[in-house]
Amino acid sequence: KINPEIIENKIRPHMKGRVIVTGKKDPVLGEKVVMAIELKDSGNPEGIRIVIGKSGLERHEKPREFYFVDFFPESSSGKILRRKLFEKINAMKGIAWEDLD
């Protein structure tokens, strides 16, 4: 089992914007690691391979798909509403690791 918080803490120092890591059902693997990236503050999504490389993630911790969203849904107190974010990314088509520039 992978702990999303550990992965997020390894990636955050190398990102300008906010990231959320979660698992997503996969017919082959059972579950795969995916990452949502908020574009509001991070600007251009290019260079994510470099960021992942710098993060020191183990092979099994590396996200397999990436979801670039304009903003993360938040409560009135500013807390990220993870469940709403997961619903949002489940309805989207992610970008596979192999397809990143």
PDB file of N, CA and C in Angstrom:
ATOM      1  N   LYS A   1       0.850  -1.190   0.000  1.00  0.00           N
ATOM      2  CA  LYS A   1       0.000   0.000   0.000  1.00  0.00           C
ATOM      3  C   LYS A   1       0.888   1.244   0.000  1.00  0.00           C
ATOM      4  N   ILE A   2       0.510   2.207  -0.800  1.00  0.00           N
ATOM      5  CA  ILE A   2       1.300   3.431  -0.941  1.00  0.00           C
ATOM      6  C   ILE A   2       0.627   4.556  -0.163  1.00  0.00           C
ATOM      7  N   ASN A   3       1.438   5.328   0.548  1.00  0.00           N
ATOM      8  CA  ASN A   3       0.935   6.458   1.313  1.00  0.00           C
ATOM      9  C   ASN A   3       1.044   7.725   0.466  1.00  0.00           C
ATOM     10  N   PRO A   4      -0.088   8.290   0.037  1.00  0.00           N
ATOM     11  CA  PRO A   4      -0.047   9.487  -0.820  1.00  0.00           C
ATOM     12  C   PRO A   4       0.684  10.664  -0.174  1.00  0.00           C
ATOM     13  N   GLU A   5       0.551  10.807   1.125  1.00  0.00           N
ATOM     14  CA  GLU A   5       1.179  11.939   1.813  1.00  0.00           C
ATOM     15  C   GLU A   5       2.705  11.887   1.704  1.00  0.00           C
ATOM     16  N   ILE A   6       3.280  10.706   1.789  1.00  0.00           N
ATOM     17  CA  ILE A   6       4.734  10.558   1.657  1.00  0.00           C
ATOM     18  C   ILE A   6       5.178  10.977   0.256  1.00  0.00           C
ATOM     19  N   ILE A   7       4.436  10.558  -0.757  1.00  0.00           N
ATOM     20  CA  ILE A   7       4.766  10.915  -2.144  1.00  0.00           C
ATOM     21  C   ILE A   7       4.616  12.421  -2.342  1.00  0.00           C
ATOM     22  N   GLU A   8       3.515  12.990  -1.848  1.00  0.00           N
ATOM     23  CA  GLU A   8       3.306  14.434  -1.971  1.00  0.00           C
ATOM     24  C   GLU A   8       4.442  15.216  -1.318  1.00  0.00           C
ATOM     25  N   ASN A   9       4.877  14.770  -0.147  1.00  0.00           N
ATOM     26  CA  ASN A   9       5.955  15.466   0.559  1.00  0.00           C
ATOM     27  C   ASN A   9       7.292  15.381  -0.179  1.00  0.00           C
ATOM     28  N   LYS A  10       7.489  14.340  -0.961  1.00  0.00           N
ATOM     29  CA  LYS A  10       8.715  14.227  -1.766  1.00  0.00           C
ATOM     30  C   LYS A  10       8.650  15.116  -3.010  1.00  0.00           C
ATOM     31  N   ILE A  11       7.458  15.314  -3.548  1.00  0.00           N
ATOM     32  CA  ILE A  11       7.288  16.073  -4.788  1.00  0.00           C
ATOM     33  C   ILE A  11       7.180  17.579  -4.531  1.00  0.00           C
ATOM     34  N   ARG A  12       6.482  17.962  -3.472  1.00  0.00           N
ATOM     35  CA  ARG A  12       6.185  19.386  -3.216  1.00  0.00           C
ATOM     36  C   ARG A  12       7.386  20.326  -3.266  1.00  0.00           C
ATOM     37  N   PRO A  13       8.539  19.975  -2.711  1.00  0.00           N
ATOM     38  CA  PRO A  13       9.666  20.921  -2.748  1.00  0.00           C
ATOM     39  C   PRO A  13      10.129  21.274  -4.164  1.00  0.00           C
ATOM     40  N   HIS A  14       9.762  20.461  -5.145  1.00  0.00           N
ATOM     41  CA  HIS A  14      10.210  20.658  -6.520  1.00  0.00           C
ATOM     42  C   HIS A  14       9.132  21.269  -7.412  1.00  0.00           C
ATOM     43  N   MET A  15       7.961  21.575  -6.827  1.00  0.00           N
ATOM     44  CA  MET A  15       6.832  22.113  -7.586  1.00  0.00           C
ATOM     45  C   MET A  15       6.529  23.529  -7.126  1.00  0.00           C
ATOM     46  N   LYS A  16       6.082  24.354  -8.058  1.00  0.00           N
ATOM     47  CA  LYS A  16       5.620  25.702  -7.705  1.00  0.00           C
ATOM     48  C   LYS A  16       4.196  25.650  -7.178  1.00  0.00           C
ATOM     49  N   GLY A  17       3.364  24.855  -7.811  1.00  0.00           N
ATOM     50  CA  GLY A  17       1.951  24.780  -7.445  1.00  0.00           C
ATOM     51  C   GLY A  17       1.663  23.625  -6.514  1.00  0.00           C
ATOM     52  N   ARG A  18       0.374  23.426  -6.257  1.00  0.00           N
ATOM     53  CA  ARG A  18      -0.057  22.361  -5.351  1.00  0.00           C
ATOM     54  C   ARG A  18      -0.271  21.056  -6.117  1.00  0.00           C
ATOM     55  N   VAL A  19       0.002  19.950  -5.431  1.00  0.00           N
ATOM     56  CA  VAL A  19      -0.210  18.619  -5.997  1.00  0.00           C
ATOM     57  C   VAL A  19      -0.945  17.752  -4.984  1.00  0.00           C
ATOM     58  N   ILE A  20      -1.737  16.840  -5.510  1.00  0.00           N
ATOM     59  CA  ILE A  20      -2.424  15.841  -4.703  1.00  0.00           C
ATOM     60  C   ILE A  20      -2.164  14.493  -5.368  1.00  0.00           C
ATOM     61  N   VAL A  21      -1.809  13.507  -4.564  1.00  0.00           N
ATOM     62  CA  VAL A  21      -1.549  12.157  -5.065  1.00  0.00           C
ATOM     63  C   VAL A  21      -2.624  11.234  -4.503  1.00  0.00           C
ATOM     64  N   THR A  22      -3.094  10.328  -5.338  1.00  0.00           N
ATOM     65  CA  THR A  22      -4.080   9.351  -4.902  1.00  0.00           C
ATOM     66  C   THR A  22      -3.919   8.068  -5.712  1.00  0.00           C
ATOM     67  N   GLY A  23      -4.661   7.070  -5.330  1.00  0.00           N
ATOM     68  CA  GLY A  23      -4.707   5.837  -6.098  1.00  0.00           C
ATOM     69  C   GLY A  23      -5.937   5.834  -6.979  1.00  0.00           C
ATOM     70  N   LYS A  24      -5.826   5.194  -8.118  1.00  0.00           N
ATOM     71  CA  LYS A  24      -6.965   5.068  -9.035  1.00  0.00           C
ATOM     72  C   LYS A  24      -7.042   3.612  -9.458  1.00  0.00           C
ATOM     73  N   LYS A  25      -8.246   3.076  -9.526  1.00  0.00           N
ATOM     74  CA  LYS A  25      -8.406   1.670  -9.907  1.00  0.00           C
ATOM     75  C   LYS A  25      -7.806   1.410 -11.273  1.00  0.00           C
ATOM     76  N   ASP A  26      -7.150   0.260 -11.377  1.00  0.00           N
ATOM     77  CA  ASP A  26      -6.512  -0.141 -12.628  1.00  0.00           C
ATOM     78  C   ASP A  26      -6.808  -1.622 -12.852  1.00  0.00           C
ATOM     79  N   PRO A  27      -7.262  -1.987 -14.056  1.00  0.00           N
ATOM     80  CA  PRO A  27      -7.623  -3.383 -14.305  1.00  0.00           C
ATOM     81  C   PRO A  27      -6.431  -4.342 -14.245  1.00  0.00           C
ATOM     82  N   VAL A  28      -5.239  -3.857 -14.520  1.00  0.00           N
ATOM     83  CA  VAL A  28      -4.056  -4.713 -14.520  1.00  0.00           C
ATOM     84  C   VAL A  28      -3.357  -4.710 -13.152  1.00  0.00           C
ATOM     85  N   LEU A  29      -3.089  -3.506 -12.625  1.00  0.00           N
ATOM     86  CA  LEU A  29      -2.333  -3.361 -11.385  1.00  0.00           C
ATOM     87  C   LEU A  29      -3.196  -3.433 -10.127  1.00  0.00           C
ATOM     88  N   GLY A  30      -4.504  -3.305 -10.280  1.00  0.00           N
ATOM     89  CA  GLY A  30      -5.381  -3.221  -9.131  1.00  0.00           C
ATOM     90  C   GLY A  30      -5.587  -1.762  -8.742  1.00  0.00           C
ATOM     91  N   GLU A  31      -4.470  -1.065  -8.545  1.00  0.00           N
ATOM     92  CA  GLU A  31      -4.509   0.359  -8.257  1.00  0.00           C
ATOM     93  C   GLU A  31      -3.202   0.974  -8.736  1.00  0.00           C
ATOM     94  N   LYS A  32      -3.297   2.185  -9.269  1.00  0.00           N
ATOM     95  CA  LYS A  32      -2.094   2.878  -9.724  1.00  0.00           C
ATOM     96  C   LYS A  32      -2.037   4.253  -9.088  1.00  0.00           C
ATOM     97  N   VAL A  33      -0.833   4.775  -8.965  1.00  0.00           N
ATOM     98  CA  VAL A  33      -0.625   6.098  -8.388  1.00  0.00           C
ATOM     99  C   VAL A  33      -0.882   7.146  -9.468  1.00  0.00           C
ATOM    100  N   VAL A  34      -1.717   8.141  -9.143  1.00  0.00           N
ATOM    101  CA  VAL A  34      -1.979   9.247 -10.063  1.00  0.00           C
ATOM    102  C   VAL A  34      -1.773  10.559  -9.304  1.00  0.00           C
ATOM    103  N   MET A  35      -1.490  11.624 -10.052  1.00  0.00           N
ATOM    104  CA  MET A  35      -1.228  12.910  -9.433  1.00  0.00           C
ATOM    105  C   MET A  35      -2.047  13.990 -10.108  1.00  0.00           C
ATOM    106  N   ALA A  36      -2.708  14.815  -9.292  1.00  0.00           N
ATOM    107  CA  ALA A  36      -3.416  15.988  -9.784  1.00  0.00           C
ATOM    108  C   ALA A  36      -2.540  17.203  -9.516  1.00  0.00           C
ATOM    109  N   ILE A  37      -2.401  18.061 -10.511  1.00  0.00           N
ATOM    110  CA  ILE A  37      -1.548  19.243 -10.417  1.00  0.00           C
ATOM    111  C   ILE A  37      -2.415  20.463 -10.671  1.00  0.00           C
ATOM    112  N   GLU A  38      -2.374  21.390  -9.744  1.00  0.00           N
ATOM    113  CA  GLU A  38      -3.150  22.615  -9.885  1.00  0.00           C
ATOM    114  C   GLU A  38      -2.365  23.602 -10.733  1.00  0.00           C
ATOM    115  N   LEU A  39      -2.945  24.010 -11.844  1.00  0.00           N
ATOM    116  CA  LEU A  39      -2.262  24.910 -12.773  1.00  0.00           C
ATOM    117  C   LEU A  39      -2.310  26.368 -12.349  1.00  0.00           C
ATOM    118  N   LYS A  40      -3.217  26.695 -11.449  1.00  0.00           N
ATOM    119  CA  LYS A  40      -3.414  28.080 -11.028  1.00  0.00           C
ATOM    120  C   LYS A  40      -2.088  28.746 -10.640  1.00  0.00           C
ATOM    121  N   ASP A  41      -1.259  28.049  -9.889  1.00  0.00           N
ATOM    122  CA  ASP A  41      -0.010  28.619  -9.398  1.00  0.00           C
ATOM    123  C   ASP A  41       1.230  28.051 -10.073  1.00  0.00           C
ATOM    124  N   SER A  42       1.109  26.881 -10.686  1.00  0.00           N
ATOM    125  CA  SER A  42       2.305  26.211 -11.198  1.00  0.00           C
ATOM    126  C   SER A  42       2.667  26.612 -12.616  1.00  0.00           C
ATOM    127  N   GLY A  43       1.760  27.325 -13.317  1.00  0.00           N
ATOM    128  CA  GLY A  43       2.065  27.764 -14.672  1.00  0.00           C
ATOM    129  C   GLY A  43       2.067  26.614 -15.648  1.00  0.00           C
ATOM    130  N   ASN A  44       3.164  26.424 -16.344  1.00  0.00           N
ATOM    131  CA  ASN A  44       3.284  25.449 -17.409  1.00  0.00           C
ATOM    132  C   ASN A  44       3.516  24.034 -16.873  1.00  0.00           C
ATOM    133  N   PRO A  45       2.746  23.026 -17.334  1.00  0.00           N
ATOM    134  CA  PRO A  45       2.932  21.659 -16.842  1.00  0.00           C
ATOM    135  C   PRO A  45       4.155  20.941 -17.410  1.00  0.00           C
ATOM    136  N   GLU A  46       4.872  21.575 -18.338  1.00  0.00           N
ATOM    137  CA  GLU A  46       6.041  20.917 -18.912  1.00  0.00           C
ATOM    138  C   GLU A  46       7.112  20.717 -17.850  1.00  0.00           C
ATOM    139  N   GLY A  47       7.906  19.695 -18.032  1.00  0.00           N
ATOM    140  CA  GLY A  47       9.010  19.433 -17.124  1.00  0.00           C
ATOM    141  C   GLY A  47       8.660  18.544 -15.943  1.00  0.00           C
ATOM    142  N   ILE A  48       7.472  17.930 -15.971  1.00  0.00           N
ATOM    143  CA  ILE A  48       7.065  17.090 -14.853  1.00  0.00           C
ATOM    144  C   ILE A  48       7.997  15.887 -14.693  1.00  0.00           C
ATOM    145  N   ARG A  49       8.542  15.384 -15.784  1.00  0.00           N
ATOM    146  CA  ARG A  49       9.503  14.274 -15.689  1.00  0.00           C
ATOM    147  C   ARG A  49      10.718  14.681 -14.862  1.00  0.00           C
ATOM    148  N   ILE A  50      11.183  15.914 -15.055  1.00  0.00           N
ATOM    149  CA  ILE A  50      12.337  16.408 -14.299  1.00  0.00           C
ATOM    150  C   ILE A  50      11.984  16.499 -12.817  1.00  0.00           C
ATOM    151  N   VAL A  51      10.795  17.022 -12.527  1.00  0.00           N
ATOM    152  CA  VAL A  51      10.352  17.145 -11.141  1.00  0.00           C
ATOM    153  C   VAL A  51      10.291  15.780 -10.469  1.00  0.00           C
ATOM    154  N   ILE A  52       9.706  14.815 -11.147  1.00  0.00           N
ATOM    155  CA  ILE A  52       9.599  13.465 -10.585  1.00  0.00           C
ATOM    156  C   ILE A  52      10.999  12.873 -10.381  1.00  0.00           C
ATOM    157  N   GLY A  53      11.892  13.116 -11.326  1.00  0.00           N
ATOM    158  CA  GLY A  53      13.268  12.632 -11.198  1.00  0.00           C
ATOM    159  C   GLY A  53      13.986  13.219  -9.996  1.00  0.00           C
ATOM    160  N   LYS A  54      13.790  14.501  -9.740  1.00  0.00           N
ATOM    161  CA  LYS A  54      14.433  15.178  -8.613  1.00  0.00           C
ATOM    162  C   LYS A  54      13.840  14.764  -7.268  1.00  0.00           C
ATOM    163  N   SER A  55      12.630  14.258  -7.275  1.00  0.00           N
ATOM    164  CA  SER A  55      11.905  13.994  -6.034  1.00  0.00           C
ATOM    165  C   SER A  55      12.428  12.790  -5.255  1.00  0.00           C
ATOM    166  N   GLY A  56      13.158  11.907  -5.914  1.00  0.00           N
ATOM    167  CA  GLY A  56      13.681  10.721  -5.231  1.00  0.00           C
ATOM    168  C   GLY A  56      12.647   9.645  -4.983  1.00  0.00           C
ATOM    169  N   LEU A  57      11.579   9.643  -5.762  1.00  0.00           N
ATOM    170  CA  LEU A  57      10.547   8.618  -5.603  1.00  0.00           C
ATOM    171  C   LEU A  57      11.063   7.256  -6.046  1.00  0.00           C
ATOM    172  N   GLU A  58      10.648   6.231  -5.330  1.00  0.00           N
ATOM    173  CA  GLU A  58      10.914   4.854  -5.748  1.00  0.00           C
ATOM    174  C   GLU A  58      10.038   4.554  -6.963  1.00  0.00           C
ATOM    175  N   ARG A  59      10.419   3.551  -7.706  1.00  0.00           N
ATOM    176  CA  ARG A  59       9.683   3.208  -8.936  1.00  0.00           C
ATOM    177  C   ARG A  59       8.191   2.981  -8.675  1.00  0.00           C
ATOM    178  N   HIS A  60       7.873   2.251  -7.608  1.00  0.00           N
ATOM    179  CA  HIS A  60       6.467   1.947  -7.322  1.00  0.00           C
ATOM    180  C   HIS A  60       5.692   3.159  -6.795  1.00  0.00           C
ATOM    181  N   GLU A  61       6.408   4.227  -6.404  1.00  0.00           N
ATOM    182  CA  GLU A  61       5.758   5.448  -5.911  1.00  0.00           C
ATOM    183  C   GLU A  61       5.458   6.447  -7.025  1.00  0.00           C
ATOM    184  N   LYS A  62       6.092   6.290  -8.162  1.00  0.00           N
ATOM    185  CA  LYS A  62       5.953   7.271  -9.240  1.00  0.00           C
ATOM    186  C   LYS A  62       4.547   7.245  -9.838  1.00  0.00           C
ATOM    187  N   PRO A  63       3.929   8.419  -9.964  1.00  0.00           N
ATOM    188  CA  PRO A  63       2.599   8.468 -10.586  1.00  0.00           C
ATOM    189  C   PRO A  63       2.627   7.936 -12.017  1.00  0.00           C
ATOM    190  N   ARG A  64       1.577   7.219 -12.382  1.00  0.00           N
ATOM    191  CA  ARG A  64       1.457   6.655 -13.730  1.00  0.00           C
ATOM    192  C   ARG A  64       0.633   7.551 -14.647  1.00  0.00           C
ATOM    193  N   GLU A  65      -0.207   8.399 -14.036  1.00  0.00           N
ATOM    194  CA  GLU A  65      -1.031   9.331 -14.804  1.00  0.00           C
ATOM    195  C   GLU A  65      -1.050  10.671 -14.097  1.00  0.00           C
ATOM    196  N   PHE A  66      -1.246  11.716 -14.902  1.00  0.00           N
ATOM    197  CA  PHE A  66      -1.239  13.075 -14.389  1.00  0.00           C
ATOM    198  C   PHE A  66      -2.494  13.795 -14.855  1.00  0.00           C
ATOM    199  N   TYR A  67      -3.065  14.570 -13.956  1.00  0.00           N
ATOM    200  CA  TYR A  67      -4.273  15.330 -14.239  1.00  0.00           C
ATOM    201  C   TYR A  67      -3.989  16.787 -13.933  1.00  0.00           C
ATOM    202  N   PHE A  68      -4.051  17.625 -14.944  1.00  0.00           N
ATOM    203  CA  PHE A  68      -3.801  19.050 -14.787  1.00  0.00           C
ATOM    204  C   PHE A  68      -5.156  19.754 -14.675  1.00  0.00           C
ATOM    205  N   VAL A  69      -5.399  20.356 -13.524  1.00  0.00           N
ATOM    206  CA  VAL A  69      -6.680  21.021 -13.273  1.00  0.00           C
ATOM    207  C   VAL A  69      -6.433  22.505 -13.001  1.00  0.00           C
ATOM    208  N   ASP A  70      -7.430  23.324 -13.323  1.00  0.00           N
ATOM    209  CA  ASP A  70      -7.295  24.764 -13.119  1.00  0.00           C
ATOM    210  C   ASP A  70      -7.195  25.123 -11.646  1.00  0.00           C
ATOM    211  N   PHE A  71      -7.964  24.440 -10.817  1.00  0.00           N
ATOM    212  CA  PHE A  71      -7.939  24.722  -9.379  1.00  0.00           C
ATOM    213  C   PHE A  71      -8.433  23.491  -8.627  1.00  0.00           C
ATOM    214  N   PHE A  72      -8.032  23.367  -7.374  1.00  0.00           N
ATOM    215  CA  PHE A  72      -8.530  22.309  -6.505  1.00  0.00           C
ATOM    216  C   PHE A  72      -9.781  22.829  -5.794  1.00  0.00           C
ATOM    217  N   PRO A  73     -10.827  22.004  -5.693  1.00  0.00           N
ATOM    218  CA  PRO A  73     -12.008  22.432  -4.951  1.00  0.00           C
ATOM    219  C   PRO A  73     -11.654  22.593  -3.469  1.00  0.00           C
ATOM    220  N   GLU A  74     -12.124  23.678  -2.868  1.00  0.00           N
ATOM    221  CA  GLU A  74     -11.804  23.962  -1.463  1.00  0.00           C
ATOM    222  C   GLU A  74     -13.063  24.265  -0.665  1.00  0.00           C
ATOM    223  N   SER A  75     -12.966  24.011   0.626  1.00  0.00           N
ATOM    224  CA  SER A  75     -14.033  24.404   1.548  1.00  0.00           C
ATOM    225  C   SER A  75     -13.905  25.897   1.825  1.00  0.00           C
ATOM    226  N   SER A  76     -14.859  26.453   2.557  1.00  0.00           N
ATOM    227  CA  SER A  76     -14.806  27.876   2.890  1.00  0.00           C
ATOM    228  C   SER A  76     -13.598  28.215   3.759  1.00  0.00           C
ATOM    229  N   SER A  77     -13.042  27.211   4.452  1.00  0.00           N
ATOM    230  CA  SER A  77     -11.862  27.456   5.285  1.00  0.00           C
ATOM    231  C   SER A  77     -10.552  27.231   4.523  1.00  0.00           C
ATOM    232  N   GLY A  78     -10.650  26.865   3.234  1.00  0.00           N
ATOM    233  CA  GLY A  78      -9.456  26.705   2.414  1.00  0.00           C
ATOM    234  C   GLY A  78      -8.910  25.287   2.349  1.00  0.00           C
ATOM    235  N   LYS A  79      -9.584  24.339   2.979  1.00  0.00           N
ATOM    236  CA  LYS A  79      -9.141  22.939   2.947  1.00  0.00           C
ATOM    237  C   LYS A  79      -9.509  22.319   1.600  1.00  0.00           C
ATOM    238  N   ILE A  80      -8.575  21.570   1.019  1.00  0.00           N
ATOM    239  CA  ILE A  80      -8.844  20.905  -0.265  1.00  0.00           C
ATOM    240  C   ILE A  80      -9.868  19.797  -0.047  1.00  0.00           C
ATOM    241  N   LEU A  81     -10.885  19.817  -0.874  1.00  0.00           N
ATOM    242  CA  LEU A  81     -11.931  18.803  -0.813  1.00  0.00           C
ATOM    243  C   LEU A  81     -11.505  17.631  -1.693  1.00  0.00           C
ATOM    244  N   ARG A  82     -10.767  16.710  -1.102  1.00  0.00           N
ATOM    245  CA  ARG A  82     -10.182  15.591  -1.849  1.00  0.00           C
ATOM    246  C   ARG A  82     -11.231  14.748  -2.567  1.00  0.00           C
ATOM    247  N   ARG A  83     -12.336  14.478  -1.910  1.00  0.00           N
ATOM    248  CA  ARG A  83     -13.368  13.630  -2.524  1.00  0.00           C
ATOM    249  C   ARG A  83     -13.892  14.272  -3.816  1.00  0.00           C
ATOM    250  N   LYS A  84     -14.143  15.589  -3.779  1.00  0.00           N
ATOM    251  CA  LYS A  84     -14.612  16.288  -4.992  1.00  0.00           C
ATOM    252  C   LYS A  84     -13.524  16.282  -6.058  1.00  0.00           C
ATOM    253  N   LEU A  85     -12.273  16.437  -5.640  1.00  0.00           N
ATOM    254  CA  LEU A  85     -11.168  16.390  -6.595  1.00  0.00           C
ATOM    255  C   LEU A  85     -11.084  15.014  -7.240  1.00  0.00           C
ATOM    256  N   PHE A  86     -11.218  13.950  -6.446  1.00  0.00           N
ATOM    257  CA  PHE A  86     -11.156  12.596  -6.989  1.00  0.00           C
ATOM    258  C   PHE A  86     -12.292  12.349  -7.971  1.00  0.00           C
ATOM    259  N   GLU A  87     -13.482  12.853  -7.655  1.00  0.00           N
ATOM    260  CA  GLU A  87     -14.610  12.715  -8.587  1.00  0.00           C
ATOM    261  C   GLU A  87     -14.292  13.429  -9.897  1.00  0.00           C
ATOM    262  N   LYS A  88     -13.686  14.592  -9.778  1.00  0.00           N
ATOM    263  CA  LYS A  88     -13.335  15.382 -10.964  1.00  0.00           C
ATOM    264  C   LYS A  88     -12.320  14.649 -11.842  1.00  0.00           C
ATOM    265  N   ILE A  89     -11.264  14.114 -11.221  1.00  0.00           N
ATOM    266  CA  ILE A  89     -10.236  13.461 -12.038  1.00  0.00           C
ATOM    267  C   ILE A  89     -10.698  12.112 -12.569  1.00  0.00           C
ATOM    268  N   ASN A  90     -11.614  11.453 -11.858  1.00  0.00           N
ATOM    269  CA  ASN A  90     -12.139  10.190 -12.372  1.00  0.00           C
ATOM    270  C   ASN A  90     -12.950  10.395 -13.642  1.00  0.00           C
ATOM    271  N   ALA A  91     -13.478  11.599 -13.829  1.00  0.00           N
ATOM    272  CA  ALA A  91     -14.245  11.910 -15.036  1.00  0.00           C
ATOM    273  C   ALA A  91     -13.349  12.413 -16.170  1.00  0.00           C
ATOM    274  N   MET A  92     -12.065  12.611 -15.879  1.00  0.00           N
ATOM    275  CA  MET A  92     -11.126  13.143 -16.872  1.00  0.00           C
ATOM    276  C   MET A  92     -10.255  12.032 -17.444  1.00  0.00           C
ATOM    277  N   LYS A  93      -9.646  12.325 -18.574  1.00  0.00           N
ATOM    278  CA  LYS A  93      -8.640  11.429 -19.138  1.00  0.00           C
ATOM    279  C   LYS A  93      -7.289  11.970 -18.713  1.00  0.00           C
ATOM    280  N   GLY A  94      -6.533  11.143 -18.031  1.00  0.00           N
ATOM    281  CA  GLY A  94      -5.218  11.562 -17.572  1.00  0.00           C
ATOM    282  C   GLY A  94      -4.162  11.467 -18.666  1.00  0.00           C
ATOM    283  N   ILE A  95      -3.026  12.070 -18.400  1.00  0.00           N
ATOM    284  CA  ILE A  95      -1.881  11.981 -19.311  1.00  0.00           C
ATOM    285  C   ILE A  95      -0.949  10.933 -18.754  1.00  0.00           C
ATOM    286  N   ALA A  96      -0.666   9.910 -19.539  1.00  0.00           N
ATOM    287  CA  ALA A  96       0.211   8.829 -19.083  1.00  0.00           C
ATOM    288  C   ALA A  96       1.658   9.311 -19.002  1.00  0.00           C
ATOM    289  N   TRP A  97       2.418   8.695 -18.118  1.00  0.00           N
ATOM    290  CA  TRP A  97       3.836   9.007 -17.928  1.00  0.00           C
ATOM    291  C   TRP A  97       4.573   8.988 -19.267  1.00  0.00           C
ATOM    292  N   GLU A  98       4.278   7.995 -20.084  1.00  0.00           N
ATOM    293  CA  GLU A  98       4.961   7.825 -21.366  1.00  0.00           C
ATOM    294  C   GLU A  98       4.657   8.957 -22.341  1.00  0.00           C
ATOM    295  N   ASP A  99       3.523   9.647 -22.157  1.00  0.00           N
ATOM    296  CA  ASP A  99       3.099  10.688 -23.079  1.00  0.00           C
ATOM    297  C   ASP A  99       3.551  12.086 -22.672  1.00  0.00           C
ATOM    298  N   LEU A 100       4.211  12.194 -21.526  1.00  0.00           N
ATOM    299  CA  LEU A 100       4.697  13.507 -21.091  1.00  0.00           C
ATOM    300  C   LEU A 100       5.873  13.942 -21.940  1.00  0.00           C
ATOM    301  N   ASP A 101       5.958  15.216 -22.213  1.00  0.00           N
ATOM    302  CA  ASP A 101       7.098  15.751 -22.981  1.00  0.00           C
ATOM    303  C   ASP A 101       8.277  15.973 -22.074  1.00  0.00           C
TER     304      ASP A 101
END
